[in-house]
Amino acid sequence: MGFSLPRLTRCCFCFSLRTGSLIIGYVSIIMSLFFMASISYFLYMVVRFVEANKDKPNPEHPPDEVAQVALGLYVSQAYYLLVYLYLIVISVMLVVGVHTNNHRLLRYYVFSGFFLFGMALALVVVSFVFLGFLATLPLLKWCMTHFICLIVVRSTYLEMEEQNRPKSFEMQHLYSPPAPINL
């Protein structure tokens, strides 16, 4: 049993759908670049910490535990980088599609956005397994925000598709025959 997603007429009840989609695209690109830079710096610091403390064993944290935690961080952060890189690519497609009024790029963004939403839910599971529940809360907020943005972009796509669809005219009957008389 399926359900249909809602169709919006305005973004945030004040912007047009086109403006809202452009804002979503540009903010997604900027935020993805910021998060990729932050994650890269974080990974650099983890590698530096592991290398610096490789020869100095700590009695509270044996080397096996440090290696296991570092591996978990490497896996989850590499997955974060993959998700954000994919988000940059489809956000550029969104911005180009809205600027050029190309509904095919928006359709690809919507399908890719739902794929990214699935990847983000998988990232929630990976984060929960390797990093714990508190690390997944910001990610869950991001998933909800991404889903709302997908609904706005999908509404923009449907609006553009209707504008680009050729008008269909239906012939009306000019003469309606009289009803038969029953005797």
Protein backbone atom coordinates (compact mmCIF):
# COMPACT_ATOMS: atom_id res chain seq x y z
CA MET A 1 0.00 0.00 0.00
CA GLY A 2 1.51 3.28 -1.05
CA PHE A 3 0.91 6.83 -0.10
CA SER A 4 1.37 10.04 -1.99
CA LEU A 5 3.59 12.83 -0.80
CA PRO A 6 2.01 16.23 -0.21
CA ARG A 7 2.28 18.86 -2.90
CA LEU A 8 3.19 22.34 -1.73
CA THR A 9 2.34 25.64 -3.41
CA ARG A 10 4.86 27.79 -1.51
CA CYS A 11 8.17 27.18 0.22
CA CYS A 12 7.98 28.03 3.94
CA PHE A 13 4.61 29.70 3.24
CA CYS A 14 6.31 32.83 1.85
CA PHE A 15 8.69 32.02 -1.03
CA SER A 16 7.79 30.69 -4.44
CA LEU A 17 8.74 27.07 -5.06
CA ARG A 18 11.40 28.11 -7.57
CA THR A 19 13.06 30.49 -5.09
CA GLY A 20 12.82 27.90 -2.34
CA SER A 21 14.44 25.26 -4.53
CA LEU A 22 17.29 27.63 -5.41
CA ILE A 23 17.81 28.43 -1.73
CA ILE A 24 17.80 24.71 -0.92
CA GLY A 25 20.36 24.03 -3.67
CA TYR A 26 22.77 26.80 -2.73
CA VAL A 27 22.54 26.13 1.01
CA SER A 28 23.07 22.40 0.39
CA ILE A 29 26.23 23.09 -1.61
CA ILE A 30 27.65 25.47 1.01
CA MET A 31 26.78 23.24 3.96
CA SER A 32 28.14 20.12 2.24
CA LEU A 33 31.45 21.83 1.52
CA PHE A 34 31.64 23.04 5.13
CA PHE A 35 30.88 19.59 6.54
CA MET A 36 33.34 17.90 4.19
CA ALA A 37 36.07 20.28 5.32
CA SER A 38 35.18 19.67 8.98
CA ILE A 39 35.15 15.90 8.57
CA SER A 40 38.47 15.97 6.71
CA TYR A 41 40.05 18.01 9.50
CA PHE A 42 38.55 15.67 12.11
CA LEU A 43 39.99 12.64 10.33
CA TYR A 44 43.37 14.35 10.12
CA MET A 45 43.30 14.95 13.88
CA VAL A 46 42.32 11.32 14.59
CA VAL A 47 45.15 10.00 12.41
CA ARG A 48 47.57 12.38 14.10
CA PHE A 49 46.40 11.27 17.57
CA VAL A 50 46.69 7.57 16.72
CA GLU A 51 50.18 8.05 15.25
CA ALA A 52 51.34 10.14 18.23
CA ASN A 53 50.09 7.63 20.81
CA LYS A 54 51.09 4.46 18.98
CA ASP A 55 54.35 4.12 20.92
CA LYS A 56 52.97 5.40 24.26
CA PRO A 57 50.56 2.77 25.58
CA ASN A 58 47.92 4.10 27.93
CA PRO A 59 46.83 1.68 30.70
CA GLU A 60 43.24 2.96 30.54
CA HIS A 61 43.00 2.47 26.77
CA PRO A 62 44.97 -0.46 25.37
CA PRO A 63 46.22 -0.23 21.76
CA ASP A 64 43.56 -2.72 20.57
CA GLU A 65 40.77 -0.50 21.89
CA VAL A 66 42.30 2.62 20.32
CA ALA A 67 42.65 0.80 16.99
CA GLN A 68 39.04 -0.42 17.14
CA VAL A 69 37.66 3.05 17.92
CA ALA A 70 39.85 4.60 15.21
CA LEU A 71 38.61 2.05 12.66
CA GLY A 72 35.00 2.84 13.58
CA LEU A 73 35.70 6.54 13.14
CA TYR A 74 37.41 5.98 9.79
CA VAL A 75 34.50 3.92 8.44
CA SER A 76 31.74 6.25 9.61
CA GLN A 77 33.57 9.43 8.58
CA ALA A 78 34.43 8.01 5.14
CA TYR A 79 30.75 7.22 4.68
CA TYR A 80 29.90 10.79 5.73
CA LEU A 81 32.30 12.10 3.08
CA LEU A 82 30.70 9.89 0.43
CA VAL A 83 27.19 11.10 1.33
CA TYR A 84 28.22 14.77 1.30
CA LEU A 85 30.06 14.41 -2.01
CA TYR A 86 26.94 12.88 -3.55
CA LEU A 87 24.85 15.70 -2.06
CA ILE A 88 27.11 18.30 -3.71
CA VAL A 89 26.71 16.65 -7.11
CA ILE A 90 22.92 16.48 -6.98
CA SER A 91 22.66 19.98 -5.47
CA VAL A 92 24.58 21.38 -8.43
CA MET A 93 22.13 19.54 -10.69
CA LEU A 94 19.25 21.12 -8.75
CA VAL A 95 20.61 24.65 -9.12
CA VAL A 96 21.32 24.17 -12.83
CA GLY A 97 17.92 22.56 -13.39
CA VAL A 98 16.01 25.39 -11.71
CA HIS A 99 18.02 28.13 -13.44
CA THR A 100 17.58 26.55 -16.88
CA ASN A 101 13.98 25.46 -16.21
CA ASN A 102 14.96 21.86 -16.99
CA HIS A 103 12.45 19.57 -15.29
CA ARG A 104 14.47 16.45 -16.22
CA LEU A 105 17.32 17.54 -13.93
CA LEU A 106 14.81 18.16 -11.16
CA ARG A 107 13.32 14.69 -11.69
CA TYR A 108 16.81 13.23 -11.38
CA TYR A 109 17.36 15.31 -8.23
CA VAL A 110 14.14 14.02 -6.67
CA PHE A 111 15.00 10.37 -7.41
CA SER A 112 18.59 10.90 -6.29
CA GLY A 113 17.38 12.77 -3.24
CA PHE A 114 15.31 9.80 -2.16
CA PHE A 115 18.32 7.56 -2.77
CA LEU A 116 20.39 9.95 -0.64
CA PHE A 117 17.67 9.83 2.00
CA GLY A 118 18.08 6.04 2.06
CA MET A 119 21.87 6.45 2.32
CA ALA A 120 21.36 8.88 5.19
CA LEU A 121 19.18 6.37 7.01
CA ALA A 122 21.94 3.78 6.50
CA LEU A 123 24.36 6.36 7.89
CA VAL A 124 22.13 6.63 10.96
CA VAL A 125 22.53 2.89 11.49
CA VAL A 126 26.31 3.00 10.93
CA SER A 127 26.65 5.96 13.31
CA PHE A 128 24.51 4.26 15.91
CA VAL A 129 26.58 1.07 15.76
CA PHE A 130 30.00 2.73 15.80
CA LEU A 131 29.42 6.00 17.66
CA GLY A 132 26.30 5.60 19.80
CA PHE A 133 22.87 7.17 20.04
CA LEU A 134 23.92 10.75 20.80
CA ALA A 135 25.97 10.94 17.61
CA THR A 136 22.91 10.00 15.55
CA LEU A 137 20.61 12.78 16.81
CA PRO A 138 22.04 15.55 14.58
CA LEU A 139 21.95 13.12 11.68
CA LEU A 140 18.28 12.36 12.32
CA LYS A 141 17.53 16.10 12.28
CA TRP A 142 19.40 16.38 8.97
CA CYS A 143 17.35 13.47 7.55
CA MET A 144 14.10 15.20 8.49
CA THR A 145 15.25 18.51 7.00
CA HIS A 146 16.37 16.74 3.83
CA PHE A 147 12.97 15.05 3.53
CA ILE A 148 11.13 18.38 3.82
CA CYS A 149 13.45 19.90 1.21
CA LEU A 150 12.72 16.94 -1.07
CA ILE A 151 9.01 17.66 -0.82
CA VAL A 152 9.62 21.30 -1.83
CA VAL A 153 11.81 20.32 -4.79
CA ARG A 154 9.34 17.62 -5.85
CA SER A 155 6.56 20.23 -5.85
CA THR A 156 8.76 22.49 -7.99
CA TYR A 157 9.39 19.59 -10.36
CA LEU A 158 5.67 18.86 -10.69
CA GLU A 159 4.96 22.55 -11.32
CA MET A 160 7.67 22.77 -14.02
CA GLU A 161 6.49 19.55 -15.62
CA GLU A 162 2.94 20.89 -15.86
CA GLN A 163 4.19 24.13 -17.42
CA ASN A 164 6.23 22.24 -20.03
CA ARG A 165 3.47 19.77 -20.86
CA PRO A 166 1.55 20.67 -24.01
CA LYS A 167 -2.01 21.77 -23.43
CA SER A 168 -4.58 19.14 -24.20
CA PHE A 169 -7.95 20.18 -25.49
CA GLU A 170 -10.99 17.99 -25.43
CA MET A 171 -13.77 18.30 -27.94
CA GLN A 172 -17.12 19.04 -26.39
CA HIS A 173 -20.34 17.73 -27.81
CA LEU A 174 -22.27 20.62 -29.30
CA TYR A 175 -25.35 18.59 -29.96
CA SER A 176 -26.80 16.35 -27.36
CA PRO A 177 -29.52 14.09 -28.67
CA PRO A 178 -32.84 14.22 -26.88
CA ALA A 179 -33.52 11.53 -24.37
CA PRO A 180 -35.64 8.68 -25.67
CA ILE A 181 -39.27 8.76 -24.70
CA ASN A 182 -40.38 5.68 -22.85
CA LEU A 183 -43.97 4.71 -23.43
